[in-house]
Amino acid sequence: MELILKNWQYVALLVIILGVILVIALISAKKETLPYRKKKYLLNKSERNFFKAVAPKLPHEYVMYPQIVMSALLETKTAKKDFWQFQNKINKKIIDFVIFEKKFLEPILAIEYDGPTHQRYDRKQSDAFKNKVLQTVGIQLKHVVHSENMNYNAISHEINSILQEIKNT
């Protein structure tokens, strides 16, 4: 005890250093909060109904996936200096549904489910861009306009007819 009293300055310094280390450790351990949360559903109710009605009626050699980002379907072929200018245009564009041939997952047909938001000017611009790009690369695009009384049998028949036409070409 006498040793501690004689060297109290060193003990005080040691306590301060340990306190600082503890504070730094607590700050570092604090979890970073990110502004994200899990979505309850991938698709809205109308899109889910469309998917549940149409996907099972596709011919067995096809499969349909929802919410496909365009950059997953397309390659940007341009000079290196221009790459990101064109890549960024497709990185955030989403195709509502894409039908792939099942064996190698080759994209065959893109489907845009046009709900009420597709009447907005910005959505019309986005749709025009998607139409142009997909036409350029040879992926056919079908627009399905939402209505309260969707005839899923007729839509499925039309999609299957388009798939048959594509297969025959």
Protein backbone atom coordinates (compact mmCIF):
# COMPACT_ATOMS: atom_id res chain seq x y z
CA MET A 1 0.00 0.00 0.00
CA GLU A 2 2.87 2.28 0.87
CA LEU A 3 4.32 1.68 -2.63
CA ILE A 4 1.05 2.81 -4.24
CA LEU A 5 0.89 5.96 -2.15
CA LYS A 6 4.48 6.89 -3.06
CA ASN A 7 3.81 6.39 -6.78
CA TRP A 8 0.25 7.73 -6.93
CA GLN A 9 1.01 9.79 -10.06
CA TYR A 10 1.86 6.59 -11.97
CA VAL A 11 -1.21 4.81 -10.67
CA ALA A 12 -3.42 7.76 -11.68
CA LEU A 13 -1.82 7.81 -15.14
CA LEU A 14 -2.38 4.05 -15.49
CA VAL A 15 -6.06 4.43 -14.49
CA ILE A 16 -6.51 7.26 -17.03
CA ILE A 17 -4.85 5.22 -19.81
CA LEU A 18 -7.03 2.17 -19.01
CA GLY A 19 -10.12 4.43 -19.01
CA VAL A 20 -9.24 5.86 -22.43
CA ILE A 21 -8.64 2.35 -23.82
CA LEU A 22 -12.01 1.23 -22.43
CA VAL A 23 -13.83 4.21 -23.98
CA ILE A 24 -12.16 3.61 -27.37
CA ALA A 25 -13.08 -0.10 -27.21
CA LEU A 26 -16.72 0.72 -26.41
CA ILE A 27 -16.96 3.25 -29.26
CA SER A 28 -15.37 0.80 -31.71
CA ALA A 29 -17.69 -1.99 -30.63
CA LYS A 30 -20.80 0.12 -31.16
CA LYS A 31 -22.76 -1.38 -34.04
CA GLU A 32 -22.99 0.71 -37.16
CA THR A 33 -26.65 1.33 -37.94
CA LEU A 34 -27.54 1.17 -41.61
CA PRO A 35 -30.73 2.68 -43.05
CA TYR A 36 -32.07 -0.64 -44.44
CA ARG A 37 -34.77 -3.07 -43.53
CA LYS A 38 -36.04 -6.22 -45.15
CA LYS A 39 -38.92 -5.78 -47.54
CA LYS A 40 -42.01 -7.71 -46.60
CA TYR A 41 -42.59 -8.82 -50.22
CA LEU A 42 -40.52 -8.82 -53.41
CA LEU A 43 -43.61 -8.12 -55.52
CA ASN A 44 -46.69 -6.04 -54.91
CA LYS A 45 -50.05 -7.83 -54.74
CA SER A 46 -50.89 -7.37 -58.44
CA GLU A 47 -47.44 -8.56 -59.52
CA ARG A 48 -47.68 -11.59 -57.20
CA ASN A 49 -51.06 -12.49 -58.66
CA PHE A 50 -49.65 -12.18 -62.18
CA PHE A 51 -46.61 -14.31 -61.34
CA LYS A 52 -48.65 -17.01 -59.56
CA ALA A 53 -51.09 -17.21 -62.48
CA VAL A 54 -48.68 -17.06 -65.43
CA ALA A 55 -45.48 -18.84 -64.33
CA PRO A 56 -47.06 -22.30 -63.90
CA LYS A 57 -48.63 -22.12 -67.39
CA LEU A 58 -45.32 -21.66 -69.21
CA PRO A 59 -44.11 -24.53 -71.41
CA HIS A 60 -41.84 -26.87 -69.42
CA GLU A 61 -38.63 -25.65 -71.13
CA TYR A 62 -39.06 -22.12 -69.73
CA VAL A 63 -38.86 -20.51 -66.31
CA MET A 64 -39.88 -17.01 -65.23
CA TYR A 65 -38.06 -14.90 -62.64
CA PRO A 66 -39.21 -11.55 -61.22
CA GLN A 67 -37.31 -8.30 -60.67
CA ILE A 68 -34.28 -8.83 -62.91
CA VAL A 69 -31.79 -5.97 -63.12
CA MET A 70 -30.93 -5.15 -66.74
CA SER A 71 -27.20 -5.41 -66.11
CA ALA A 72 -27.75 -9.10 -65.32
CA LEU A 73 -29.11 -9.57 -68.84
CA LEU A 74 -26.81 -7.33 -70.85
CA GLU A 75 -23.12 -6.82 -71.49
CA THR A 76 -21.75 -3.36 -72.09
CA LYS A 77 -19.54 -3.46 -75.17
CA THR A 78 -17.87 -0.11 -75.57
CA ALA A 79 -14.52 1.60 -75.28
CA LYS A 80 -13.08 1.36 -71.78
CA LYS A 81 -13.35 5.12 -71.25
CA ASP A 82 -17.11 5.00 -71.97
CA PHE A 83 -17.88 1.78 -70.08
CA TRP A 84 -19.35 3.27 -66.88
CA GLN A 85 -21.34 5.89 -68.77
CA PHE A 86 -23.32 3.09 -70.44
CA GLN A 87 -23.15 0.51 -67.63
CA ASN A 88 -24.67 2.93 -65.12
CA LYS A 89 -27.70 3.38 -67.40
CA ILE A 90 -28.63 -0.29 -66.95
CA ASN A 91 -27.37 -0.95 -63.41
CA LYS A 92 -30.53 0.31 -61.71
CA LYS A 93 -33.15 -0.54 -64.33
CA ILE A 94 -35.36 -3.49 -63.36
CA ILE A 95 -37.39 -5.69 -65.69
CA ASP A 96 -40.52 -6.88 -63.87
CA PHE A 97 -40.35 -10.46 -65.19
CA VAL A 98 -37.99 -12.30 -67.52
CA ILE A 99 -38.66 -15.67 -69.08
CA PHE A 100 -35.54 -17.77 -69.57
CA GLU A 101 -35.00 -21.04 -71.36
CA LYS A 102 -34.55 -23.42 -68.48
CA LYS A 103 -31.44 -25.38 -69.53
CA PHE A 104 -28.91 -22.53 -69.77
CA LEU A 105 -31.01 -19.61 -68.44
CA GLU A 106 -30.83 -17.69 -71.70
CA PRO A 107 -33.15 -14.66 -71.53
CA ILE A 108 -35.96 -15.12 -74.06
CA LEU A 109 -38.78 -12.71 -73.24
CA ALA A 110 -39.00 -9.68 -70.93
CA ILE A 111 -42.32 -8.66 -69.42
CA GLU A 112 -43.15 -5.26 -67.99
CA TYR A 113 -46.21 -5.26 -65.76
CA ASP A 114 -47.57 -1.75 -66.33
CA GLY A 115 -49.42 -0.61 -63.24
CA PRO A 116 -50.72 2.92 -62.63
CA THR A 117 -47.22 4.33 -61.99
CA HIS A 118 -46.28 3.63 -65.61
CA GLN A 119 -48.35 6.67 -66.60
CA ARG A 120 -45.89 9.05 -64.93
CA TYR A 121 -43.50 10.93 -67.19
CA ASP A 122 -40.36 9.47 -65.57
CA ARG A 123 -41.71 5.91 -65.90
CA LYS A 124 -42.60 6.50 -69.55
CA GLN A 125 -39.00 7.65 -70.12
CA SER A 126 -37.67 4.57 -68.32
CA ASP A 127 -39.96 2.26 -70.30
CA ALA A 128 -38.90 3.86 -73.60
CA PHE A 129 -35.25 3.27 -72.66
CA LYS A 130 -35.93 -0.37 -71.74
CA ASN A 131 -37.86 -0.89 -75.00
CA LYS A 132 -35.01 0.54 -77.07
CA VAL A 133 -32.21 -1.37 -75.32
CA LEU A 134 -33.99 -4.73 -75.30
CA GLN A 135 -34.95 -4.35 -78.97
CA THR A 136 -31.32 -3.52 -79.79
CA VAL A 137 -30.01 -6.70 -78.13
CA GLY A 138 -32.77 -8.94 -79.49
CA ILE A 139 -34.81 -9.60 -76.36
CA GLN A 140 -38.50 -9.18 -77.07
CA LEU A 141 -40.44 -7.10 -74.55
CA LYS A 142 -44.12 -7.59 -73.76
CA HIS A 143 -46.05 -4.97 -71.83
CA VAL A 144 -48.97 -6.24 -69.74
CA VAL A 145 -51.27 -3.43 -68.65
CA HIS A 146 -52.80 -3.88 -65.22
CA SER A 147 -56.56 -3.94 -64.90
CA GLU A 148 -58.89 -4.86 -62.07
CA ASN A 149 -60.13 -7.96 -63.91
CA MET A 150 -57.00 -9.49 -65.40
CA ASN A 151 -57.64 -12.40 -67.76
CA TYR A 152 -54.61 -14.47 -66.81
CA ASN A 153 -55.61 -17.33 -69.12
CA ALA A 154 -55.61 -15.03 -72.14
CA ILE A 155 -52.34 -13.41 -71.06
CA SER A 156 -50.72 -16.83 -70.55
CA HIS A 157 -51.92 -17.94 -73.97
CA GLU A 158 -50.50 -14.78 -75.57
CA ILE A 159 -47.15 -15.20 -73.81
CA ASN A 160 -46.95 -18.86 -74.82
CA SER A 161 -47.72 -17.88 -78.43
CA ILE A 162 -44.89 -15.33 -78.36
CA LEU A 163 -42.53 -17.97 -76.94
CA GLN A 164 -43.52 -20.37 -79.73
CA GLU A 165 -42.88 -17.67 -82.37
CA ILE A 166 -39.46 -16.94 -80.86
CA LYS A 167 -38.65 -20.66 -80.76
CA ASN A 168 -39.59 -21.04 -84.43
CA THR A 169 -37.29 -18.21 -85.59
